[in-house]
Amino acid sequence: MKNKEVELKFIISPKIKETIINDLKNQTTSSSNLRQIDTYYIPYFREFEINGETMECVRIREQNGITTLAYKKIHREANPVYCDEYETNLESKEQMEKILFALGFEIQMVIDKTRESYRLGEFEFDFDSVKNMGELMEVELKNDFNDTAPIYEFVSKYGLTEKDVTYEGIQVLMKKAMNKK
């Protein structure tokens, strides 16, 4: 498993989402649609956010009867920005939560979303409809190159540019969405 993830995340409108998905459906047959429940945990003993930006996260994801534990460390100083990602399947969410709580973690938030995914060549597209937040699109390069230029080239067809990219973690985006209500 590759432990380095190079992707760009965009906050998009439902109209742009629909346009891109329709184009992808005409170009690829590899797709999936599922519900994900992500529980994020933060420790008492150190900061995972610096100046309002997520730098690290621990997450338990439940989808299609499978539960996974993930740890991510974001490298914002790198060009392109990337994250180390370590993930493993869990036999028991309840037991893993007991371990996390014993280590000094607490639940930060739970994010409920529907993810529609497409694979086209070396790109993986994840479209997330996030309850109480809105629409996100992540485009990940599934190759060994660290160049985001192909992503920008692809999304430029839909009027998206570098200014539309967000490097904020989903937890920060959710906090902002909740503060607007």
N, C-alpha and C. Protein backbone atom coordinates (compact mmCIF):
# COMPACT_ATOMS: atom_id res chain seq x y z
N MET A 1 0.84 -1.19 0.00
CA MET A 1 0.00 0.00 0.00
C MET A 1 0.88 1.24 0.00
N LYS A 2 0.52 2.17 -0.85
CA LYS A 2 1.23 3.45 -0.91
C LYS A 2 0.83 4.29 0.30
N ASN A 3 1.81 4.84 1.00
CA ASN A 3 1.53 5.63 2.19
C ASN A 3 1.65 7.12 1.95
N LYS A 4 1.80 7.54 0.70
CA LYS A 4 1.89 8.95 0.37
C LYS A 4 0.73 9.28 -0.57
N GLU A 5 0.02 10.35 -0.24
CA GLU A 5 -1.17 10.72 -1.00
C GLU A 5 -1.00 12.13 -1.54
N VAL A 6 -1.04 12.27 -2.88
CA VAL A 6 -1.00 13.58 -3.52
C VAL A 6 -2.36 13.82 -4.14
N GLU A 7 -3.09 14.79 -3.58
CA GLU A 7 -4.42 15.09 -4.07
C GLU A 7 -4.72 16.56 -3.90
N LEU A 8 -5.71 17.02 -4.64
CA LEU A 8 -6.21 18.38 -4.48
C LEU A 8 -7.68 18.29 -4.13
N LYS A 9 -8.10 19.15 -3.21
CA LYS A 9 -9.49 19.17 -2.75
C LYS A 9 -10.12 20.49 -3.16
N PHE A 10 -11.30 20.40 -3.73
CA PHE A 10 -12.03 21.57 -4.20
C PHE A 10 -13.40 21.61 -3.53
N ILE A 11 -13.82 22.80 -3.12
CA ILE A 11 -15.21 23.01 -2.71
C ILE A 11 -15.94 23.41 -3.99
N ILE A 12 -16.95 22.64 -4.36
CA ILE A 12 -17.59 22.86 -5.66
C ILE A 12 -19.09 23.04 -5.50
N SER A 13 -19.69 23.59 -6.53
CA SER A 13 -21.14 23.75 -6.55
C SER A 13 -21.78 22.46 -7.06
N PRO A 14 -23.04 22.23 -6.73
CA PRO A 14 -23.74 21.06 -7.26
C PRO A 14 -23.73 21.02 -8.79
N LYS A 15 -23.79 22.19 -9.43
CA LYS A 15 -23.80 22.24 -10.90
C LYS A 15 -22.47 21.77 -11.49
N ILE A 16 -21.35 22.22 -10.93
CA ILE A 16 -20.03 21.77 -11.42
C ILE A 16 -19.87 20.28 -11.16
N LYS A 17 -20.32 19.83 -9.99
CA LYS A 17 -20.26 18.41 -9.67
C LYS A 17 -21.00 17.59 -10.72
N GLU A 18 -22.21 18.00 -11.03
CA GLU A 18 -23.03 17.27 -12.00
C GLU A 18 -22.36 17.24 -13.38
N THR A 19 -21.78 18.37 -13.79
CA THR A 19 -21.12 18.44 -15.10
C THR A 19 -19.93 17.50 -15.16
N ILE A 20 -19.08 17.53 -14.15
CA ILE A 20 -17.89 16.67 -14.14
C ILE A 20 -18.29 15.21 -14.08
N ILE A 21 -19.25 14.87 -13.23
CA ILE A 21 -19.67 13.47 -13.12
C ILE A 21 -20.25 12.97 -14.45
N ASN A 22 -21.06 13.79 -15.11
CA ASN A 22 -21.61 13.38 -16.41
C ASN A 22 -20.50 13.12 -17.41
N ASP A 23 -19.46 13.97 -17.42
CA ASP A 23 -18.33 13.76 -18.32
C ASP A 23 -17.58 12.48 -17.96
N LEU A 24 -17.38 12.25 -16.66
CA LEU A 24 -16.66 11.05 -16.23
C LEU A 24 -17.44 9.79 -16.58
N LYS A 25 -18.74 9.82 -16.43
CA LYS A 25 -19.55 8.65 -16.76
C LYS A 25 -19.41 8.27 -18.22
N ASN A 26 -19.17 9.25 -19.09
CA ASN A 26 -19.00 8.98 -20.51
C ASN A 26 -17.60 8.46 -20.85
N GLN A 27 -16.64 8.60 -19.91
CA GLN A 27 -15.26 8.22 -20.18
C GLN A 27 -14.78 7.00 -19.41
N THR A 28 -15.51 6.58 -18.38
CA THR A 28 -15.02 5.51 -17.52
C THR A 28 -16.16 4.60 -17.09
N THR A 29 -15.84 3.38 -16.76
CA THR A 29 -16.84 2.46 -16.22
C THR A 29 -16.56 2.14 -14.76
N SER A 30 -15.42 2.60 -14.25
CA SER A 30 -15.04 2.32 -12.86
C SER A 30 -15.63 3.38 -11.94
N SER A 31 -16.64 2.99 -11.16
CA SER A 31 -17.26 3.94 -10.25
C SER A 31 -17.85 3.22 -9.05
N SER A 32 -18.10 3.98 -8.00
CA SER A 32 -18.76 3.44 -6.81
C SER A 32 -19.51 4.56 -6.12
N ASN A 33 -20.49 4.18 -5.32
CA ASN A 33 -21.28 5.13 -4.57
C ASN A 33 -21.56 4.51 -3.21
N LEU A 34 -21.15 5.17 -2.14
CA LEU A 34 -21.35 4.60 -0.82
C LEU A 34 -21.45 5.67 0.25
N ARG A 35 -21.94 5.27 1.40
CA ARG A 35 -22.04 6.16 2.55
C ARG A 35 -20.85 5.89 3.46
N GLN A 36 -20.25 6.96 3.96
CA GLN A 36 -19.13 6.86 4.89
C GLN A 36 -19.46 7.63 6.16
N ILE A 37 -19.20 6.99 7.29
CA ILE A 37 -19.31 7.66 8.58
C ILE A 37 -17.87 7.74 9.12
N ASP A 38 -17.36 8.96 9.21
CA ASP A 38 -16.00 9.19 9.67
C ASP A 38 -16.03 9.82 11.06
N THR A 39 -15.38 9.16 12.01
CA THR A 39 -15.24 9.70 13.36
C THR A 39 -13.79 10.14 13.52
N TYR A 40 -13.61 11.42 13.84
CA TYR A 40 -12.27 11.99 14.02
C TYR A 40 -11.98 12.12 15.50
N TYR A 41 -10.73 11.84 15.86
CA TYR A 41 -10.28 11.86 17.25
C TYR A 41 -9.12 12.82 17.39
N ILE A 42 -9.08 13.52 18.52
CA ILE A 42 -7.96 14.41 18.82
C ILE A 42 -7.41 14.06 20.19
N PRO A 43 -6.10 14.22 20.36
CA PRO A 43 -5.49 13.90 21.65
C PRO A 43 -5.53 15.09 22.60
N TYR A 44 -5.52 14.79 23.89
CA TYR A 44 -5.41 15.84 24.91
C TYR A 44 -3.99 16.39 24.96
N PHE A 45 -3.02 15.59 24.57
CA PHE A 45 -1.62 15.87 24.87
C PHE A 45 -0.85 16.59 23.77
N ARG A 46 -1.45 16.84 22.61
CA ARG A 46 -0.79 17.63 21.58
C ARG A 46 -1.80 18.14 20.58
N GLU A 47 -1.39 19.17 19.84
CA GLU A 47 -2.28 19.82 18.88
C GLU A 47 -2.20 19.14 17.51
N PHE A 48 -3.34 18.80 16.95
CA PHE A 48 -3.41 18.30 15.59
C PHE A 48 -3.72 19.43 14.62
N GLU A 49 -4.12 20.59 15.15
CA GLU A 49 -4.38 21.77 14.33
C GLU A 49 -3.43 22.87 14.75
N ILE A 50 -2.88 23.56 13.76
CA ILE A 50 -2.01 24.70 14.02
C ILE A 50 -2.56 25.89 13.24
N ASN A 51 -2.83 26.98 13.95
CA ASN A 51 -3.40 28.18 13.33
C ASN A 51 -4.65 27.85 12.52
N GLY A 52 -5.49 26.97 13.05
CA GLY A 52 -6.75 26.63 12.39
C GLY A 52 -6.62 25.66 11.24
N GLU A 53 -5.42 25.13 10.99
CA GLU A 53 -5.23 24.18 9.90
C GLU A 53 -4.94 22.79 10.45
N THR A 54 -5.58 21.79 9.88
CA THR A 54 -5.35 20.42 10.29
C THR A 54 -3.97 19.99 9.80
N MET A 55 -3.14 19.50 10.73
CA MET A 55 -1.81 19.02 10.38
C MET A 55 -1.72 17.50 10.52
N GLU A 56 -2.57 16.95 11.40
CA GLU A 56 -2.61 15.51 11.61
C GLU A 56 -4.05 15.12 11.92
N CYS A 57 -4.39 13.88 11.65
CA CYS A 57 -5.70 13.40 12.08
C CYS A 57 -5.68 11.90 12.27
N VAL A 58 -6.54 11.47 13.19
CA VAL A 58 -6.83 10.06 13.41
C VAL A 58 -8.31 9.89 13.14
N ARG A 59 -8.62 8.89 12.31
CA ARG A 59 -10.01 8.72 11.88
C ARG A 59 -10.38 7.24 11.88
N ILE A 60 -11.59 6.96 12.31
CA ILE A 60 -12.19 5.64 12.10
C ILE A 60 -13.31 5.83 11.09
N ARG A 61 -13.23 5.06 9.99
CA ARG A 61 -14.23 5.15 8.92
C ARG A 61 -15.04 3.86 8.88
N GLU A 62 -16.37 4.04 8.78
CA GLU A 62 -17.27 2.91 8.61
C GLU A 62 -17.94 3.04 7.24
N GLN A 63 -17.79 1.99 6.42
CA GLN A 63 -18.42 1.98 5.11
C GLN A 63 -18.61 0.53 4.65
N ASN A 64 -19.78 0.24 4.13
CA ASN A 64 -20.08 -1.09 3.60
C ASN A 64 -19.70 -2.23 4.53
N GLY A 65 -19.92 -2.05 5.84
CA GLY A 65 -19.62 -3.10 6.81
C GLY A 65 -18.15 -3.26 7.13
N ILE A 66 -17.30 -2.40 6.60
CA ILE A 66 -15.86 -2.44 6.86
C ILE A 66 -15.49 -1.22 7.68
N THR A 67 -14.66 -1.43 8.70
CA THR A 67 -14.21 -0.34 9.56
C THR A 67 -12.70 -0.23 9.44
N THR A 68 -12.21 0.99 9.22
CA THR A 68 -10.77 1.21 9.09
C THR A 68 -10.31 2.31 10.03
N LEU A 69 -9.07 2.20 10.46
CA LEU A 69 -8.40 3.22 11.25
C LEU A 69 -7.36 3.86 10.35
N ALA A 70 -7.31 5.20 10.34
CA ALA A 70 -6.32 5.91 9.53
C ALA A 70 -5.66 7.00 10.36
N TYR A 71 -4.39 7.21 10.08
CA TYR A 71 -3.64 8.35 10.61
C TYR A 71 -3.07 9.08 9.41
N LYS A 72 -3.23 10.41 9.39
CA LYS A 72 -2.69 11.24 8.32
C LYS A 72 -1.86 12.36 8.92
N LYS A 73 -0.73 12.64 8.29
CA LYS A 73 0.10 13.78 8.63
C LYS A 73 0.29 14.58 7.35
N ILE A 74 -0.17 15.83 7.38
CA ILE A 74 -0.13 16.70 6.21
C ILE A 74 1.19 17.45 6.18
N HIS A 75 1.81 17.49 5.02
CA HIS A 75 3.07 18.21 4.82
C HIS A 75 2.78 19.44 3.97
N ARG A 76 2.36 20.52 4.64
CA ARG A 76 1.99 21.76 3.95
C ARG A 76 3.21 22.50 3.39
N GLU A 77 4.39 22.23 3.96
CA GLU A 77 5.60 22.91 3.51
C GLU A 77 6.10 22.34 2.17
N ALA A 78 5.61 21.18 1.79
CA ALA A 78 6.08 20.53 0.56
C ALA A 78 5.38 21.12 -0.66
N ASN A 79 6.01 20.93 -1.80
CA ASN A 79 5.41 21.35 -3.05
C ASN A 79 5.49 20.17 -4.02
N PRO A 80 4.36 19.51 -4.33
CA PRO A 80 3.02 19.84 -3.86
C PRO A 80 2.80 19.37 -2.42
N VAL A 81 1.78 19.95 -1.80
CA VAL A 81 1.36 19.52 -0.47
C VAL A 81 0.93 18.05 -0.59
N TYR A 82 1.34 17.25 0.37
CA TYR A 82 0.94 15.85 0.38
C TYR A 82 0.74 15.41 1.83
N CYS A 83 0.24 14.20 2.00
CA CYS A 83 0.14 13.68 3.36
C CYS A 83 0.63 12.24 3.41
N ASP A 84 1.22 11.91 4.56
CA ASP A 84 1.51 10.51 4.87
C ASP A 84 0.19 9.93 5.34
N GLU A 85 -0.15 8.76 4.83
CA GLU A 85 -1.41 8.15 5.22
C GLU A 85 -1.18 6.68 5.54
N TYR A 86 -1.55 6.29 6.75
CA TYR A 86 -1.43 4.91 7.19
C TYR A 86 -2.82 4.44 7.58
N GLU A 87 -3.22 3.30 7.02
CA GLU A 87 -4.59 2.83 7.22
C GLU A 87 -4.59 1.32 7.38
N THR A 88 -5.48 0.84 8.25
CA THR A 88 -5.62 -0.60 8.44
C THR A 88 -7.07 -0.93 8.80
N ASN A 89 -7.47 -2.12 8.44
CA ASN A 89 -8.82 -2.58 8.80
C ASN A 89 -8.88 -2.89 10.29
N LEU A 90 -10.06 -2.69 10.85
CA LEU A 90 -10.30 -2.97 12.26
C LEU A 90 -11.31 -4.09 12.41
N GLU A 91 -11.11 -4.89 13.41
CA GLU A 91 -12.07 -5.93 13.73
C GLU A 91 -13.21 -5.34 14.56
N SER A 92 -12.86 -4.34 15.43
CA SER A 92 -13.86 -3.79 16.34
C SER A 92 -13.63 -2.30 16.54
N LYS A 93 -14.58 -1.49 16.09
CA LYS A 93 -14.50 -0.05 16.34
C LYS A 93 -14.54 0.22 17.85
N GLU A 94 -15.40 -0.49 18.55
CA GLU A 94 -15.55 -0.27 19.98
C GLU A 94 -14.24 -0.50 20.72
N GLN A 95 -13.52 -1.57 20.39
CA GLN A 95 -12.25 -1.84 21.06
C GLN A 95 -11.20 -0.79 20.69
N MET A 96 -11.19 -0.36 19.44
CA MET A 96 -10.22 0.66 19.03
C MET A 96 -10.52 1.97 19.73
N GLU A 97 -11.79 2.31 19.89
CA GLU A 97 -12.13 3.53 20.63
C GLU A 97 -11.68 3.43 22.08
N LYS A 98 -11.82 2.28 22.70
CA LYS A 98 -11.35 2.11 24.08
C LYS A 98 -9.85 2.35 24.16
N ILE A 99 -9.11 1.86 23.16
CA ILE A 99 -7.66 2.07 23.12
C ILE A 99 -7.36 3.56 22.96
N LEU A 100 -8.04 4.22 22.01
CA LEU A 100 -7.80 5.65 21.78
C LEU A 100 -8.13 6.47 23.03
N PHE A 101 -9.25 6.17 23.67
CA PHE A 101 -9.64 6.91 24.88
C PHE A 101 -8.61 6.68 25.99
N ALA A 102 -8.11 5.44 26.12
CA ALA A 102 -7.11 5.15 27.14
C ALA A 102 -5.80 5.88 26.87
N LEU A 103 -5.52 6.15 25.58
CA LEU A 103 -4.29 6.87 25.20
C LEU A 103 -4.44 8.39 25.30
N GLY A 104 -5.64 8.87 25.63
CA GLY A 104 -5.83 10.30 25.80
C GLY A 104 -6.46 11.00 24.61
N PHE A 105 -7.17 10.27 23.79
CA PHE A 105 -7.90 10.86 22.67
C PHE A 105 -9.35 11.06 23.06
N GLU A 106 -10.00 12.00 22.38
CA GLU A 106 -11.44 12.19 22.52
C GLU A 106 -12.02 12.37 21.12
N ILE A 107 -13.31 12.19 21.01
CA ILE A 107 -13.96 12.38 19.71
C ILE A 107 -14.01 13.87 19.41
N GLN A 108 -13.51 14.23 18.25
CA GLN A 108 -13.56 15.62 17.79
C GLN A 108 -14.88 15.88 17.09
N MET A 109 -15.23 14.99 16.15
CA MET A 109 -16.49 15.13 15.43
C MET A 109 -16.77 13.89 14.61
N VAL A 110 -18.03 13.76 14.19
CA VAL A 110 -18.45 12.68 13.30
C VAL A 110 -18.96 13.33 12.03
N ILE A 111 -18.48 12.84 10.89
CA ILE A 111 -18.87 13.39 9.60
C ILE A 111 -19.57 12.29 8.81
N ASP A 112 -20.79 12.60 8.38
CA ASP A 112 -21.63 11.68 7.62
C ASP A 112 -21.66 12.17 6.19
N LYS A 113 -21.24 11.33 5.26
CA LYS A 113 -21.19 11.78 3.87
C LYS A 113 -21.49 10.63 2.92
N THR A 114 -21.89 11.01 1.74
CA THR A 114 -22.04 10.08 0.64
C THR A 114 -20.91 10.36 -0.33
N ARG A 115 -20.20 9.31 -0.73
CA ARG A 115 -19.07 9.46 -1.64
C ARG A 115 -19.35 8.73 -2.95
N GLU A 116 -19.19 9.48 -4.02
CA GLU A 116 -19.28 8.92 -5.36
C GLU A 116 -17.89 8.99 -5.96
N SER A 117 -17.33 7.84 -6.36
CA SER A 117 -15.95 7.77 -6.83
C SER A 117 -15.86 7.28 -8.27
N TYR A 118 -14.88 7.82 -8.98
CA TYR A 118 -14.62 7.44 -10.36
C TYR A 118 -13.13 7.32 -10.56
N ARG A 119 -12.74 6.39 -11.41
CA ARG A 119 -11.33 6.21 -11.77
C ARG A 119 -11.21 6.43 -13.27
N LEU A 120 -10.30 7.31 -13.65
CA LEU A 120 -10.06 7.60 -15.07
C LEU A 120 -8.56 7.71 -15.27
N GLY A 121 -7.96 6.70 -15.90
CA GLY A 121 -6.52 6.70 -16.08
C GLY A 121 -5.81 6.75 -14.75
N GLU A 122 -4.94 7.73 -14.59
CA GLU A 122 -4.18 7.87 -13.35
C GLU A 122 -4.87 8.75 -12.31
N PHE A 123 -6.11 9.16 -12.60
CA PHE A 123 -6.86 10.01 -11.68
C PHE A 123 -7.90 9.20 -10.91
N GLU A 124 -8.08 9.56 -9.63
CA GLU A 124 -9.21 9.07 -8.87
C GLU A 124 -9.99 10.29 -8.40
N PHE A 125 -11.28 10.30 -8.68
CA PHE A 125 -12.16 11.41 -8.31
C PHE A 125 -13.10 10.94 -7.21
N ASP A 126 -13.14 11.67 -6.12
CA ASP A 126 -14.09 11.40 -5.04
C ASP A 126 -14.96 12.64 -4.86
N PHE A 127 -16.26 12.47 -5.04
CA PHE A 127 -17.23 13.54 -4.85
C PHE A 127 -17.98 13.26 -3.56
N ASP A 128 -17.80 14.14 -2.58
CA ASP A 128 -18.42 13.95 -1.28
C ASP A 128 -19.56 14.94 -1.08
N SER A 129 -20.74 14.41 -0.78
CA SER A 129 -21.86 15.22 -0.32
C SER A 129 -21.89 15.08 1.18
N VAL A 130 -21.47 16.14 1.87
CA VAL A 130 -21.26 16.08 3.31
C VAL A 130 -22.45 16.70 4.02
N LYS A 131 -23.07 15.89 4.88
CA LYS A 131 -24.23 16.35 5.64
C LYS A 131 -23.85 17.59 6.44
N ASN A 132 -24.66 18.63 6.36
CA ASN A 132 -24.49 19.91 7.05
C ASN A 132 -23.32 20.74 6.54
N MET A 133 -22.77 20.37 5.36
CA MET A 133 -21.64 21.15 4.87
C MET A 133 -21.73 21.48 3.38
N GLY A 134 -21.88 20.50 2.52
CA GLY A 134 -21.94 20.79 1.09
C GLY A 134 -21.16 19.78 0.26
N GLU A 135 -20.67 20.27 -0.88
CA GLU A 135 -20.03 19.40 -1.87
C GLU A 135 -18.52 19.61 -1.91
N LEU A 136 -17.79 18.50 -1.92
CA LEU A 136 -16.34 18.53 -2.07
C LEU A 136 -15.95 17.58 -3.20
N MET A 137 -14.85 17.91 -3.86
CA MET A 137 -14.28 17.01 -4.85
C MET A 137 -12.80 16.87 -4.54
N GLU A 138 -12.34 15.63 -4.42
CA GLU A 138 -10.91 15.35 -4.27
C GLU A 138 -10.45 14.66 -5.53
N VAL A 139 -9.33 15.13 -6.06
CA VAL A 139 -8.74 14.49 -7.23
C VAL A 139 -7.34 14.03 -6.81
N GLU A 140 -7.13 12.73 -6.89
CA GLU A 140 -5.86 12.14 -6.47
C GLU A 140 -5.16 11.53 -7.67
N LEU A 141 -3.86 11.75 -7.75
CA LEU A 141 -3.05 11.11 -8.78
C LEU A 141 -2.63 9.74 -8.28
N LYS A 142 -2.93 8.72 -9.05
CA LYS A 142 -2.57 7.35 -8.68
C LYS A 142 -1.34 6.93 -9.47
N ASN A 143 -0.25 7.70 -9.29
CA ASN A 143 1.02 7.35 -9.91
C ASN A 143 2.14 7.73 -8.95
N ASP A 144 3.36 7.53 -9.36
CA ASP A 144 4.49 7.82 -8.47
C ASP A 144 5.05 9.21 -8.66
N PHE A 145 4.43 10.02 -9.50
CA PHE A 145 4.90 11.38 -9.72
C PHE A 145 4.26 12.31 -8.69
N ASN A 146 4.96 13.37 -8.37
CA ASN A 146 4.44 14.32 -7.38
C ASN A 146 4.04 15.63 -8.04
N ASP A 147 3.50 15.55 -9.21
CA ASP A 147 3.16 16.74 -9.99
C ASP A 147 1.65 16.90 -10.04
N THR A 148 1.15 18.04 -9.57
CA THR A 148 -0.30 18.28 -9.59
C THR A 148 -0.75 18.95 -10.89
N ALA A 149 0.19 19.27 -11.79
CA ALA A 149 -0.17 19.94 -13.05
C ALA A 149 -1.24 19.18 -13.83
N PRO A 150 -1.16 17.84 -13.92
CA PRO A 150 -2.23 17.13 -14.66
C PRO A 150 -3.62 17.32 -14.03
N ILE A 151 -3.67 17.45 -12.71
CA ILE A 151 -4.97 17.69 -12.06
C ILE A 151 -5.50 19.05 -12.47
N TYR A 152 -4.63 20.07 -12.38
CA TYR A 152 -5.07 21.42 -12.77
C TYR A 152 -5.48 21.47 -14.23
N GLU A 153 -4.76 20.76 -15.06
CA GLU A 153 -5.11 20.73 -16.49
C GLU A 153 -6.50 20.15 -16.69
N PHE A 154 -6.81 19.06 -15.97
CA PHE A 154 -8.11 18.43 -16.10
C PHE A 154 -9.23 19.34 -15.60
N VAL A 155 -9.09 19.88 -14.38
CA VAL A 155 -10.18 20.66 -13.79
C VAL A 155 -10.36 22.03 -14.44
N SER A 156 -9.34 22.51 -15.16
CA SER A 156 -9.47 23.81 -15.82
C SER A 156 -10.59 23.81 -16.85
N LYS A 157 -10.91 22.63 -17.39
CA LYS A 157 -12.02 22.52 -18.35
C LYS A 157 -13.36 22.90 -17.73
N TYR A 158 -13.40 22.91 -16.39
CA TYR A 158 -14.64 23.20 -15.67
C TYR A 158 -14.57 24.54 -14.94
N GLY A 159 -13.57 25.33 -15.30
CA GLY A 159 -13.43 26.66 -14.71
C GLY A 159 -12.78 26.67 -13.34
N LEU A 160 -12.22 25.54 -12.90
CA LEU A 160 -11.57 25.46 -11.60
C LEU A 160 -10.08 25.76 -11.75
N THR A 161 -9.55 26.52 -10.80
CA THR A 161 -8.14 26.89 -10.83
C THR A 161 -7.52 26.66 -9.45
N GLU A 162 -6.28 27.05 -9.34
CA GLU A 162 -5.55 26.93 -8.07
C GLU A 162 -6.27 27.65 -6.93
N LYS A 163 -6.94 28.75 -7.25
CA LYS A 163 -7.63 29.51 -6.19
C LYS A 163 -8.84 28.75 -5.63
N ASP A 164 -9.30 27.73 -6.33
CA ASP A 164 -10.44 26.95 -5.87
C ASP A 164 -10.04 25.77 -4.97
N VAL A 165 -8.74 25.54 -4.83
CA VAL A 165 -8.25 24.44 -4.01
C VAL A 165 -8.31 24.85 -2.54
N THR A 166 -8.69 23.90 -1.70
CA THR A 166 -8.62 24.13 -0.26
C THR A 166 -7.70 23.08 0.34
N TYR A 167 -6.84 23.54 1.22
CA TYR A 167 -5.96 22.61 1.94
C TYR A 167 -6.45 22.40 3.36
N GLU A 168 -7.61 22.94 3.66
CA GLU A 168 -8.18 22.76 4.98
C GLU A 168 -8.72 21.34 5.11
N GLY A 169 -8.48 20.75 6.26
CA GLY A 169 -9.02 19.43 6.52
C GLY A 169 -10.53 19.49 6.62
N ILE A 170 -11.17 18.35 6.43
CA ILE A 170 -12.62 18.32 6.45
C ILE A 170 -13.16 18.73 7.83
N GLN A 171 -12.37 18.48 8.88
CA GLN A 171 -12.83 18.89 10.22
C GLN A 171 -12.91 20.41 10.31
N VAL A 172 -11.93 21.11 9.76
CA VAL A 172 -11.93 22.58 9.78
C VAL A 172 -13.08 23.10 8.92
N LEU A 173 -13.28 22.50 7.75
CA LEU A 173 -14.38 22.92 6.87
C LEU A 173 -15.73 22.72 7.56
N MET A 174 -15.86 21.61 8.28
CA MET A 174 -17.12 21.34 8.99
C MET A 174 -17.34 22.36 10.10
N LYS A 175 -16.29 22.69 10.85
CA LYS A 175 -16.42 23.71 11.91
C LYS A 175 -16.89 25.02 11.32
N LYS A 176 -16.31 25.43 10.20
CA LYS A 176 -16.71 26.67 9.55
C LYS A 176 -18.16 26.62 9.09
N ALA A 177 -18.57 25.50 8.53
CA ALA A 177 -19.96 25.35 8.08
C ALA A 177 -20.92 25.44 9.26
N MET A 178 -20.55 24.82 10.37
CA MET A 178 -21.43 24.83 11.54
C MET A 178 -21.50 26.23 12.16
N ASN A 179 -20.41 27.00 12.08
CA ASN A 179 -20.41 28.36 12.63
C ASN A 179 -21.24 29.31 11.79
N LYS A 180 -21.49 28.97 10.52
CA LYS A 180 -22.32 29.81 9.65
C LYS A 180 -23.81 29.66 9.94
N LYS A 181 -24.15 28.57 10.61
CA LYS A 181 -25.57 28.30 10.86
C LYS A 181 -26.06 29.05 12.06
